[in-house]
PDB file of N, CA and C in Angstrom:
ATOM      1  N   MET A   1       0.920  -1.076   0.062  1.00  0.00           N
ATOM      2  CA  MET A   1      -0.022   0.008  -0.049  1.00  0.00           C
ATOM      3  C   MET A   1       0.715   1.277   0.064  1.00  0.00           C
ATOM      4  N   GLY A   2       1.940   1.357   0.699  1.00  0.00           N
ATOM      5  CA  GLY A   2       2.698   2.435   0.740  1.00  0.00           C
ATOM      6  C   GLY A   2       3.546   2.849  -0.650  1.00  0.00           C
ATOM      7  N   ASP A   3       3.728   1.624  -1.247  1.00  0.00           N
ATOM      8  CA  ASP A   3       4.461   1.859  -2.733  1.00  0.00           C
ATOM      9  C   ASP A   3       3.539   2.414  -3.320  1.00  0.00           C
ATOM     10  N   ARG A   4       2.255   1.938  -3.554  1.00  0.00           N
ATOM     11  CA  ARG A   4       1.130   2.977  -4.250  1.00  0.00           C
ATOM     12  C   ARG A   4       1.190   4.120  -3.824  1.00  0.00           C
ATOM     13  N   LEU A   5       1.146   4.495  -2.794  1.00  0.00           N
ATOM     14  CA  LEU A   5       1.024   5.781  -2.227  1.00  0.00           C
ATOM     15  C   LEU A   5       1.822   6.562  -2.671  1.00  0.00           C
ATOM     16  N   MET A   6       3.247   6.201  -2.331  1.00  0.00           N
ATOM     17  CA  MET A   6       4.452   6.776  -3.117  1.00  0.00           C
ATOM     18  C   MET A   6       4.612   7.226  -4.545  1.00  0.00           C
ATOM     19  N   ALA A   7       3.988   6.406  -5.189  1.00  0.00           N
ATOM     20  CA  ALA A   7       4.339   6.507  -6.563  1.00  0.00           C
ATOM     21  C   ALA A   7       2.843   7.670  -6.940  1.00  0.00           C
ATOM     22  N   LEU A   8       1.936   7.761  -6.364  1.00  0.00           N
ATOM     23  CA  LEU A   8       0.784   8.877  -6.538  1.00  0.00           C
ATOM     24  C   LEU A   8       1.399  10.125  -6.374  1.00  0.00           C
ATOM     25  N   GLY A   9       2.593  10.466  -5.710  1.00  0.00           N
ATOM     26  CA  GLY A   9       3.113  11.874  -5.320  1.00  0.00           C
ATOM     27  C   GLY A   9       3.508  12.341  -6.505  1.00  0.00           C
ATOM     28  N   PRO A  10       4.268  11.761  -7.417  1.00  0.00           N
ATOM     29  CA  PRO A  10       4.783  12.386  -8.940  1.00  0.00           C
ATOM     30  C   PRO A  10       3.625  12.630  -9.904  1.00  0.00           C
ATOM     31  N   VAL A  11       2.760  11.924  -9.827  1.00  0.00           N
ATOM     32  CA  VAL A  11       1.626  12.316 -10.629  1.00  0.00           C
ATOM     33  C   VAL A  11       0.742  13.228 -10.111  1.00  0.00           C
ATOM     34  N   ALA A  12       0.723  13.349  -8.809  1.00  0.00           N
ATOM     35  CA  ALA A  12      -0.081  14.423  -8.452  1.00  0.00           C
ATOM     36  C   ALA A  12       0.754  15.688  -8.591  1.00  0.00           C
ATOM     37  N   LEU A  13       2.038  15.736  -8.465  1.00  0.00           N
ATOM     38  CA  LEU A  13       2.810  16.881  -8.811  1.00  0.00           C
ATOM     39  C   LEU A  13       2.804  17.253 -10.467  1.00  0.00           C
ATOM     40  N   VAL A  14       2.708  16.532 -11.234  1.00  0.00           N
ATOM     41  CA  VAL A  14       2.656  16.374 -12.457  1.00  0.00           C
ATOM     42  C   VAL A  14       0.987  17.378 -12.922  1.00  0.00           C
ATOM     43  N   LEU A  15       0.274  16.657 -12.463  1.00  0.00           N
ATOM     44  CA  LEU A  15      -1.171  17.505 -12.505  1.00  0.00           C
ATOM     45  C   LEU A  15      -1.389  18.839 -12.082  1.00  0.00           C
ATOM     46  N   LEU A  16      -0.892  18.931 -10.856  1.00  0.00           N
ATOM     47  CA  LEU A  16      -0.868  20.345 -10.175  1.00  0.00           C
ATOM     48  C   LEU A  16       0.069  20.868 -11.015  1.00  0.00           C
ATOM     49  N   ASN A  17       1.008  20.589 -11.615  1.00  0.00           N
ATOM     50  CA  ASN A  17       1.869  21.842 -12.648  1.00  0.00           C
ATOM     51  C   ASN A  17       1.073  22.153 -13.876  1.00  0.00           C
ATOM     52  N   ILE A  18       0.200  21.081 -14.507  1.00  0.00           N
ATOM     53  CA  ILE A  18      -0.637  21.583 -15.436  1.00  0.00           C
ATOM     54  C   ILE A  18      -1.429  22.155 -15.142  1.00  0.00           C
ATOM     55  N   VAL A  19      -2.230  21.834 -13.923  1.00  0.00           N
ATOM     56  CA  VAL A  19      -3.395  23.180 -13.749  1.00  0.00           C
ATOM     57  C   VAL A  19      -2.608  24.352 -13.488  1.00  0.00           C
ATOM     58  N   LEU A  20      -1.462  24.498 -12.911  1.00  0.00           N
ATOM     59  CA  LEU A  20      -0.770  25.916 -12.704  1.00  0.00           C
ATOM     60  C   LEU A  20      -0.861  26.358 -13.980  1.00  0.00           C
ATOM     61  N   GLY A  21      -0.283  25.525 -14.843  1.00  0.00           N
ATOM     62  CA  GLY A  21       0.306  26.416 -16.009  1.00  0.00           C
ATOM     63  C   GLY A  21      -0.913  26.363 -16.736  1.00  0.00           C
ATOM     64  N   VAL A  22      -2.014  25.942 -16.850  1.00  0.00           N
ATOM     65  CA  VAL A  22      -3.261  26.459 -17.627  1.00  0.00           C
ATOM     66  C   VAL A  22      -3.766  27.652 -16.902  1.00  0.00           C
ATOM     67  N   ALA A  23      -3.606  27.601 -15.630  1.00  0.00           N
ATOM     68  CA  ALA A  23      -4.247  28.993 -14.991  1.00  0.00           C
ATOM     69  C   ALA A  23      -3.524  30.023 -15.228  1.00  0.00           C
ATOM     70  N   GLN A  24      -2.094  29.909 -15.435  1.00  0.00           N
ATOM     71  CA  GLN A  24      -1.156  31.076 -15.936  1.00  0.00           C
ATOM     72  C   GLN A  24      -1.492  31.356 -17.333  1.00  0.00           C
ATOM     73  N   LEU A  25      -1.674  30.469 -18.098  1.00  0.00           N
ATOM     74  CA  LEU A  25      -1.880  30.876 -19.517  1.00  0.00           C
ATOM     75  C   LEU A  25      -3.327  31.489 -19.660  1.00  0.00           C
ATOM     76  N   LEU A  26      -4.441  31.387 -18.770  1.00  0.00           N
ATOM     77  CA  LEU A  26      -5.322  32.175 -18.954  1.00  0.00           C
ATOM     78  C   LEU A  26      -5.417  33.740 -18.235  1.00  0.00           C
ATOM     79  N   ALA A  27      -4.679  33.523 -17.350  1.00  0.00           N
ATOM     80  CA  ALA A  27      -4.397  34.892 -16.791  1.00  0.00           C
ATOM     81  C   ALA A  27      -3.620  35.552 -17.886  1.00  0.00           C
ATOM     82  N   PHE A  28      -2.665  35.125 -18.685  1.00  0.00           N
ATOM     83  CA  PHE A  28      -2.030  35.835 -19.688  1.00  0.00           C
ATOM     84  C   PHE A  28      -2.916  36.250 -20.875  1.00  0.00           C
ATOM     85  N   ALA A  29      -3.590  35.264 -21.058  1.00  0.00           N
ATOM     86  CA  ALA A  29      -4.842  35.916 -22.063  1.00  0.00           C
ATOM     87  C   ALA A  29      -5.598  36.771 -21.869  1.00  0.00           C
ATOM     88  N   GLU A  30      -6.086  36.838 -20.269  1.00  0.00           N
ATOM     89  CA  GLU A  30      -6.924  37.854 -19.834  1.00  0.00           C
ATOM     90  C   GLU A  30      -5.980  39.640 -19.606  1.00  0.00           C
ATOM     91  N   GLY A  31      -4.838  39.055 -19.351  1.00  0.00           N
ATOM     92  CA  GLY A  31      -3.922  40.300 -19.547  1.00  0.00           C
ATOM     93  C   GLY A  31      -3.689  40.873 -20.709  1.00  0.00           C
ATOM     94  N   VAL A  32      -3.552  40.087 -21.769  1.00  0.00           N
ATOM     95  CA  VAL A  32      -3.665  40.903 -23.286  1.00  0.00           C
ATOM     96  C   VAL A  32      -5.035  41.422 -23.559  1.00  0.00           C
ATOM     97  N   ASP A  33      -6.032  40.864 -23.202  1.00  0.00           N
ATOM     98  CA  ASP A  33      -7.419  41.250 -23.447  1.00  0.00           C
ATOM     99  C   ASP A  33      -7.688  42.661 -22.549  1.00  0.00           C
ATOM    100  N   VAL A  34      -7.053  43.013 -21.511  1.00  0.00           N
ATOM    101  CA  VAL A  34      -6.990  44.098 -20.644  1.00  0.00           C
ATOM    102  C   VAL A  34      -6.357  44.877 -21.080  1.00  0.00           C
ATOM    103  N   TRP A  35      -5.132  44.550 -21.375  1.00  0.00           N
ATOM    104  CA  TRP A  35      -4.179  45.455 -22.047  1.00  0.00           C
ATOM    105  C   TRP A  35      -3.998  46.270 -23.285  1.00  0.00           C
ATOM    106  N   LEU A  36      -4.282  45.274 -24.279  1.00  0.00           N
ATOM    107  CA  LEU A  36      -4.589  45.519 -25.772  1.00  0.00           C
ATOM    108  C   LEU A  36      -5.969  45.226 -26.449  1.00  0.00           C
ATOM    109  N   GLY A  37      -6.869  44.741 -25.437  1.00  0.00           N
ATOM    110  CA  GLY A  37      -8.280  44.511 -26.098  1.00  0.00           C
ATOM    111  C   GLY A  37      -8.390  43.531 -26.901  1.00  0.00           C
ATOM    112  N   TRP A  38      -7.500  42.488 -27.105  1.00  0.00           N
ATOM    113  CA  TRP A  38      -7.372  41.690 -28.171  1.00  0.00           C
ATOM    114  C   TRP A  38      -7.838  40.431 -27.553  1.00  0.00           C
ATOM    115  N   ASN A  39      -8.540  39.066 -28.460  1.00  0.00           N
ATOM    116  CA  ASN A  39      -9.131  37.828 -28.090  1.00  0.00           C
ATOM    117  C   ASN A  39      -7.933  36.969 -27.788  1.00  0.00           C
ATOM    118  N   ILE A  40      -8.627  35.924 -27.875  1.00  0.00           N
ATOM    119  CA  ILE A  40      -7.321  34.658 -27.495  1.00  0.00           C
ATOM    120  C   ILE A  40      -6.302  34.434 -28.388  1.00  0.00           C
ATOM    121  N   PHE A  41      -6.715  34.748 -29.666  1.00  0.00           N
ATOM    122  CA  PHE A  41      -5.757  34.292 -31.205  1.00  0.00           C
ATOM    123  C   PHE A  41      -4.729  35.520 -30.755  1.00  0.00           C
ATOM    124  N   GLY A  42      -5.018  36.813 -30.404  1.00  0.00           N
ATOM    125  CA  GLY A  42      -4.040  37.873 -30.128  1.00  0.00           C
ATOM    126  C   GLY A  42      -3.112  37.288 -28.965  1.00  0.00           C
ATOM    127  N   ALA A  43      -3.786  36.958 -28.046  1.00  0.00           N
ATOM    128  CA  ALA A  43      -3.029  36.442 -26.848  1.00  0.00           C
ATOM    129  C   ALA A  43      -1.750  35.193 -27.074  1.00  0.00           C
ATOM    130  N   VAL A  44      -2.516  34.688 -28.021  1.00  0.00           N
ATOM    131  CA  VAL A  44      -1.228  33.508 -28.401  1.00  0.00           C
ATOM    132  C   VAL A  44      -0.237  33.787 -29.208  1.00  0.00           C
ATOM    133  N   LEU A  45      -0.447  34.685 -30.235  1.00  0.00           N
ATOM    134  CA  LEU A  45       0.247  35.809 -30.824  1.00  0.00           C
ATOM    135  C   LEU A  45       1.204  36.571 -30.345  1.00  0.00           C
ATOM    136  N   VAL A  46       1.064  37.076 -29.193  1.00  0.00           N
ATOM    137  CA  VAL A  46       1.586  37.644 -28.237  1.00  0.00           C
ATOM    138  C   VAL A  46       2.763  36.726 -27.616  1.00  0.00           C
ATOM    139  N   PHE A  47       2.159  35.964 -26.960  1.00  0.00           N
ATOM    140  CA  PHE A  47       2.784  34.730 -26.355  1.00  0.00           C
ATOM    141  C   PHE A  47       3.867  34.257 -26.968  1.00  0.00           C
ATOM    142  N   PHE A  48       3.423  33.524 -28.485  1.00  0.00           N
ATOM    143  CA  PHE A  48       4.790  33.267 -29.250  1.00  0.00           C
ATOM    144  C   PHE A  48       5.648  34.216 -29.289  1.00  0.00           C
ATOM    145  N   ILE A  49       5.345  35.551 -29.593  1.00  0.00           N
ATOM    146  CA  ILE A  49       6.621  36.579 -29.996  1.00  0.00           C
ATOM    147  C   ILE A  49       7.450  36.628 -28.604  1.00  0.00           C
ATOM    148  N   LEU A  50       6.762  36.806 -27.661  1.00  0.00           N
ATOM    149  CA  LEU A  50       7.437  36.770 -26.320  1.00  0.00           C
ATOM    150  C   LEU A  50       8.343  35.869 -25.818  1.00  0.00           C
ATOM    151  N   SER A  51       7.822  34.394 -26.331  1.00  0.00           N
ATOM    152  CA  SER A  51       8.443  33.260 -26.113  1.00  0.00           C
ATOM    153  C   SER A  51       9.891  33.345 -27.010  1.00  0.00           C
ATOM    154  N   MET A  52       9.734  33.807 -27.975  1.00  0.00           N
ATOM    155  CA  MET A  52      10.836  33.787 -28.818  1.00  0.00           C
ATOM    156  C   MET A  52      11.952  34.887 -28.669  1.00  0.00           C
ATOM    157  N   ILE A  53      11.895  35.914 -27.799  1.00  0.00           N
ATOM    158  CA  ILE A  53      12.968  36.874 -27.591  1.00  0.00           C
ATOM    159  C   ILE A  53      13.429  36.705 -26.437  1.00  0.00           C
ATOM    160  N   PRO A  54      14.875  36.956 -25.815  1.00  0.00           N
ATOM    161  CA  PRO A  54      15.215  36.599 -24.921  1.00  0.00           C
ATOM    162  C   PRO A  54      14.914  37.488 -23.640  1.00  0.00           C
ATOM    163  N   PHE A  55      14.692  36.847 -22.639  1.00  0.00           N
ATOM    164  CA  PHE A  55      13.814  37.168 -21.508  1.00  0.00           C
ATOM    165  C   PHE A  55      12.263  37.969 -21.807  1.00  0.00           C
ATOM    166  N   GLY A  56      11.749  37.016 -22.546  1.00  0.00           N
ATOM    167  CA  GLY A  56      10.586  37.124 -22.843  1.00  0.00           C
ATOM    168  C   GLY A  56       9.670  36.776 -21.756  1.00  0.00           C
ATOM    169  N   THR A  57       9.803  35.711 -20.940  1.00  0.00           N
ATOM    170  CA  THR A  57       9.249  35.258 -20.062  1.00  0.00           C
ATOM    171  C   THR A  57       9.023  36.384 -18.785  1.00  0.00           C
ATOM    172  N   ILE A  58       9.897  37.122 -18.646  1.00  0.00           N
ATOM    173  CA  ILE A  58       9.613  38.532 -18.014  1.00  0.00           C
ATOM    174  C   ILE A  58       8.114  39.424 -18.201  1.00  0.00           C
ATOM    175  N   GLY A  59       8.371  39.200 -19.692  1.00  0.00           N
ATOM    176  CA  GLY A  59       7.279  39.999 -20.421  1.00  0.00           C
ATOM    177  C   GLY A  59       5.647  39.145 -20.416  1.00  0.00           C
ATOM    178  N   THR A  60       5.752  37.679 -20.183  1.00  0.00           N
ATOM    179  CA  THR A  60       4.424  36.910 -20.213  1.00  0.00           C
ATOM    180  C   THR A  60       4.076  37.128 -18.684  1.00  0.00           C
ATOM    181  N   THR A  61       5.244  37.310 -17.828  1.00  0.00           N
ATOM    182  CA  THR A  61       4.859  37.258 -16.341  1.00  0.00           C
ATOM    183  C   THR A  61       4.253  38.729 -16.042  1.00  0.00           C
ATOM    184  N   ILE A  62       4.679  39.640 -16.507  1.00  0.00           N
ATOM    185  CA  ILE A  62       3.876  40.709 -16.223  1.00  0.00           C
ATOM    186  C   ILE A  62       2.317  40.949 -16.821  1.00  0.00           C
ATOM    187  N   VAL A  63       2.269  40.432 -17.913  1.00  0.00           N
ATOM    188  CA  VAL A  63       0.948  40.187 -18.764  1.00  0.00           C
ATOM    189  C   VAL A  63      -0.146  39.395 -17.869  1.00  0.00           C
ATOM    190  N   ALA A  64       0.680  38.258 -17.312  1.00  0.00           N
ATOM    191  CA  ALA A  64       0.035  37.421 -16.483  1.00  0.00           C
ATOM    192  C   ALA A  64      -0.760  37.896 -15.412  1.00  0.00           C
ATOM    193  N   TYR A  65       0.357  38.917 -14.627  1.00  0.00           N
ATOM    194  CA  TYR A  65       0.041  39.575 -13.591  1.00  0.00           C
ATOM    195  C   TYR A  65      -1.121  40.921 -13.443  1.00  0.00           C
ATOM    196  N   ILE A  66      -1.032  41.510 -14.821  1.00  0.00           N
ATOM    197  CA  ILE A  66      -1.971  42.376 -15.267  1.00  0.00           C
ATOM    198  C   ILE A  66      -3.427  41.588 -15.032  1.00  0.00           C
ATOM    199  N   GLY A  67      -3.271  40.328 -15.978  1.00  0.00           N
ATOM    200  CA  GLY A  67      -4.600  39.764 -16.318  1.00  0.00           C
ATOM    201  C   GLY A  67      -5.298  39.035 -14.880  1.00  0.00           C
ATOM    202  N   ALA A  68      -4.454  38.790 -14.029  1.00  0.00           N
ATOM    203  CA  ALA A  68      -4.953  38.486 -12.515  1.00  0.00           C
ATOM    204  C   ALA A  68      -5.417  39.475 -11.871  1.00  0.00           C
ATOM    205  N   THR A  69      -4.704  40.755 -11.828  1.00  0.00           N
ATOM    206  CA  THR A  69      -5.111  41.624 -10.999  1.00  0.00           C
ATOM    207  C   THR A  69      -6.089  42.752 -11.910  1.00  0.00           C
ATOM    208  N   LYS A  70      -6.110  42.969 -12.784  1.00  0.00           N
ATOM    209  CA  LYS A  70      -7.052  44.261 -13.349  1.00  0.00           C
ATOM    210  C   LYS A  70      -8.466  43.321 -14.122  1.00  0.00           C
ATOM    211  N   GLY A  71      -7.999  41.956 -14.693  1.00  0.00           N
ATOM    212  CA  GLY A  71      -8.920  41.481 -15.277  1.00  0.00           C
ATOM    213  C   GLY A  71      -9.860  40.627 -14.577  1.00  0.00           C
ATOM    214  N   TRP A  72      -8.901  39.829 -13.635  1.00  0.00           N
ATOM    215  CA  TRP A  72      -9.961  38.844 -12.691  1.00  0.00           C
ATOM    216  C   TRP A  72     -10.330  39.494 -11.030  1.00  0.00           C
ATOM    217  N   GLY A  73      -9.819  40.820 -11.019  1.00  0.00           N
ATOM    218  CA  GLY A  73      -9.659  41.520  -9.762  1.00  0.00           C
ATOM    219  C   GLY A  73      -9.432  40.745  -8.300  1.00  0.00           C
ATOM    220  N   TRP A  74      -8.180  39.771  -8.715  1.00  0.00           N
ATOM    221  CA  TRP A  74      -7.242  39.294  -7.746  1.00  0.00           C
ATOM    222  C   TRP A  74      -6.752  40.588  -6.950  1.00  0.00           C
ATOM    223  N   GLU A  75      -6.504  40.039  -5.577  1.00  0.00           N
ATOM    224  CA  GLU A  75      -5.573  41.078  -4.874  1.00  0.00           C
ATOM    225  C   GLU A  75      -3.823  40.753  -5.258  1.00  0.00           C
ATOM    226  N   TRP A  76      -2.909  41.553  -5.146  1.00  0.00           N
ATOM    227  CA  TRP A  76      -1.679  41.658  -5.553  1.00  0.00           C
ATOM    228  C   TRP A  76      -1.068  40.419  -5.166  1.00  0.00           C
ATOM    229  N   TRP A  77      -1.245  39.971  -4.036  1.00  0.00           N
ATOM    230  CA  TRP A  77      -0.262  38.557  -3.598  1.00  0.00           C
ATOM    231  C   TRP A  77      -1.053  37.322  -3.755  1.00  0.00           C
ATOM    232  N   GLN A  78      -2.413  37.121  -4.328  1.00  0.00           N
ATOM    233  CA  GLN A  78      -2.897  36.223  -5.009  1.00  0.00           C
ATOM    234  C   GLN A  78      -2.262  36.022  -6.291  1.00  0.00           C
ATOM    235  N   ALA A  79      -2.259  37.238  -6.911  1.00  0.00           N
ATOM    236  CA  ALA A  79      -1.588  37.142  -8.489  1.00  0.00           C
ATOM    237  C   ALA A  79      -0.267  36.605  -8.407  1.00  0.00           C
ATOM    238  N   VAL A  80       0.613  37.249  -7.511  1.00  0.00           N
ATOM    239  CA  VAL A  80       2.153  36.509  -7.398  1.00  0.00           C
ATOM    240  C   VAL A  80       2.005  34.971  -6.880  1.00  0.00           C
ATOM    241  N   LEU A  81       1.452  34.292  -6.078  1.00  0.00           N
ATOM    242  CA  LEU A  81       1.144  33.385  -5.793  1.00  0.00           C
ATOM    243  C   LEU A  81       0.782  32.354  -7.105  1.00  0.00           C
ATOM    244  N   LEU A  82      -0.016  32.956  -7.887  1.00  0.00           N
ATOM    245  CA  LEU A  82      -0.396  32.370  -9.081  1.00  0.00           C
ATOM    246  C   LEU A  82       0.800  32.255 -10.380  1.00  0.00           C
ATOM    247  N   ILE A  83       1.405  33.450 -10.370  1.00  0.00           N
ATOM    248  CA  ILE A  83       2.273  33.687 -11.367  1.00  0.00           C
ATOM    249  C   ILE A  83       3.666  33.194 -10.984  1.00  0.00           C
ATOM    250  N   ALA A  84       4.357  33.449  -9.942  1.00  0.00           N
ATOM    251  CA  ALA A  84       5.566  32.978  -9.752  1.00  0.00           C
ATOM    252  C   ALA A  84       5.496  32.043  -8.466  1.00  0.00           C
ATOM    253  N   PRO A  85       5.061  31.101  -8.382  1.00  0.00           N
ATOM    254  CA  PRO A  85       4.954  30.174  -7.176  1.00  0.00           C
ATOM    255  C   PRO A  85       6.369  29.719  -6.886  1.00  0.00           C
ATOM    256  N   TYR A  86       7.229  29.401  -7.797  1.00  0.00           N
ATOM    257  CA  TYR A  86       8.500  28.717  -7.676  1.00  0.00           C
ATOM    258  C   TYR A  86       9.404  29.714  -7.287  1.00  0.00           C
ATOM    259  N   LEU A  87       9.492  30.949  -7.763  1.00  0.00           N
ATOM    260  CA  LEU A  87      10.080  32.057  -7.100  1.00  0.00           C
ATOM    261  C   LEU A  87      10.025  32.240  -5.731  1.00  0.00           C
ATOM    262  N   ILE A  88       8.811  31.954  -5.253  1.00  0.00           N
ATOM    263  CA  ILE A  88       8.373  32.346  -3.745  1.00  0.00           C
ATOM    264  C   ILE A  88       8.987  31.081  -2.968  1.00  0.00           C
ATOM    265  N   LEU A  89       9.040  30.076  -3.619  1.00  0.00           N
ATOM    266  CA  LEU A  89       9.117  28.688  -3.076  1.00  0.00           C
ATOM    267  C   LEU A  89      10.824  28.671  -2.981  1.00  0.00           C
ATOM    268  N   GLY A  90      11.503  28.988  -3.985  1.00  0.00           N
ATOM    269  CA  GLY A  90      12.915  29.186  -3.960  1.00  0.00           C
ATOM    270  C   GLY A  90      13.469  30.405  -2.841  1.00  0.00           C
ATOM    271  N   ILE A  91      12.885  31.566  -2.366  1.00  0.00           N
ATOM    272  CA  ILE A  91      12.966  32.378  -1.617  1.00  0.00           C
ATOM    273  C   ILE A  91      12.912  31.671  -0.027  1.00  0.00           C
ATOM    274  N   VAL A  92      11.858  30.942   0.064  1.00  0.00           N
ATOM    275  CA  VAL A  92      11.571  30.157   1.428  1.00  0.00           C
ATOM    276  C   VAL A  92      13.044  29.122   1.475  1.00  0.00           C
ATOM    277  N   MET A  93      12.894  28.356   0.675  1.00  0.00           N
ATOM    278  CA  MET A  93      13.901  27.821   0.784  1.00  0.00           C
ATOM    279  C   MET A  93      15.422  28.202   0.986  1.00  0.00           C
ATOM    280  N   SER A  94      15.703  29.065  -0.037  1.00  0.00           N
ATOM    281  CA  SER A  94      16.845  29.817   0.536  1.00  0.00           C
ATOM    282  C   SER A  94      17.192  30.101   2.014  1.00  0.00           C
ATOM    283  N   ALA A  95      16.049  30.820   2.161  1.00  0.00           N
ATOM    284  CA  ALA A  95      16.021  31.375   3.725  1.00  0.00           C
ATOM    285  C   ALA A  95      16.334  30.407   4.543  1.00  0.00           C
ATOM    286  N   ALA A  96      15.288  29.160   4.416  1.00  0.00           N
ATOM    287  CA  ALA A  96      15.687  27.930   5.431  1.00  0.00           C
ATOM    288  C   ALA A  96      16.867  27.473   5.434  1.00  0.00           C
ATOM    289  N   GLY A  97      17.664  27.569   4.241  1.00  0.00           N
ATOM    290  CA  GLY A  97      19.246  26.829   4.194  1.00  0.00           C
ATOM    291  C   GLY A  97      19.651  27.948   4.713  1.00  0.00           C
ATOM    292  N   GLY A  98      19.748  29.330   4.686  1.00  0.00           N
ATOM    293  CA  GLY A  98      20.728  29.891   5.547  1.00  0.00           C
ATOM    294  C   GLY A  98      20.496  29.658   6.786  1.00  0.00           C
ATOM    295  N   ILE A  99      19.292  29.911   7.216  1.00  0.00           N
ATOM    296  CA  ILE A  99      18.997  29.902   8.909  1.00  0.00           C
ATOM    297  C   ILE A  99      19.532  28.476   9.334  1.00  0.00           C
ATOM    298  N   ALA A 100      19.527  27.437   8.470  1.00  0.00           N
ATOM    299  CA  ALA A 100      19.906  26.251   9.061  1.00  0.00           C
ATOM    300  C   ALA A 100      21.648  26.353   9.061  1.00  0.00           C
ATOM    301  N   GLY A 101      22.004  26.940   7.991  1.00  0.00           N
ATOM    302  CA  GLY A 101      23.433  26.712   7.899  1.00  0.00           C
ATOM    303  C   GLY A 101      24.115  27.771   9.136  1.00  0.00           C
ATOM    304  N   ALA A 102      23.590  28.746   9.665  1.00  0.00           N
ATOM    305  CA  ALA A 102      23.759  29.802  10.657  1.00  0.00           C
ATOM    306  C   ALA A 102      23.711  29.076  11.749  1.00  0.00           C
ATOM    307  N   LEU A 103      22.558  28.369  12.250  1.00  0.00           N
ATOM    308  CA  LEU A 103      22.329  27.387  13.367  1.00  0.00           C
ATOM    309  C   LEU A 103      23.453  26.283  13.263  1.00  0.00           C
ATOM    310  N   SER A 104      23.980  25.802  12.390  1.00  0.00           N
ATOM    311  CA  SER A 104      24.754  24.801  12.572  1.00  0.00           C
ATOM    312  C   SER A 104      26.250  25.520  12.722  1.00  0.00           C
ATOM    313  N   ARG A 105      26.614  26.365  12.370  1.00  0.00           N
ATOM    314  CA  ARG A 105      27.646  27.084  12.762  1.00  0.00           C
ATOM    315  C   ARG A 105      27.666  27.605  14.148  1.00  0.00           C
ATOM    316  N   SER A 106      26.627  27.953  14.714  1.00  0.00           N
ATOM    317  CA  SER A 106      26.486  28.507  16.136  1.00  0.00           C
ATOM    318  C   SER A 106      26.543  27.210  16.921  1.00  0.00           C
ATOM    319  N   ARG A 107      26.332  26.056  16.419  1.00  0.00           N
ATOM    320  CA  ARG A 107      26.283  24.856  17.440  1.00  0.00           C
ATOM    321  C   ARG A 107      27.426  24.510  17.547  1.00  0.00           C
ATOM    322  N   ARG A 108      28.454  24.438  16.358  1.00  0.00           N
ATOM    323  CA  ARG A 108      29.983  24.314  16.504  1.00  0.00           C
ATOM    324  C   ARG A 108      30.796  24.893  17.151  1.00  0.00           C
ATOM    325  N   ALA A 109      30.255  26.376  17.058  1.00  0.00           N
ATOM    326  CA  ALA A 109      31.378  27.498  17.721  1.00  0.00           C
ATOM    327  C   ALA A 109      31.056  27.328  19.263  1.00  0.00           C
ATOM    328  N   ALA A 110      29.871  26.698  19.707  1.00  0.00           N
ATOM    329  CA  ALA A 110      29.626  26.637  21.389  1.00  0.00           C
ATOM    330  C   ALA A 110      30.143  25.276  21.821  1.00  0.00           C
TER     331      ALA A 110
END
């Protein structure tokens, strides 16, 4: 039973990433609609153009943020959680690693 449960973990993560990606794409499409007044086809065009240029993901992130806040009426922190969850997770994990390193050094010094 435990092995089957352990096997579901990666599947659940893949499904959650797919749901997150779809939500981000919908926020991007809403952002293009709010910003430029274009429909989904215009959003796809803008997405592909931004995907082909260096640092285009910064542009897609900004447009998706606009879609979540101005189009859907979300608060800024909700939009950030949707648009940049891995950035937030990275910051939290870096802080946890720094705290663990500092505690480890303080224990060795004592």
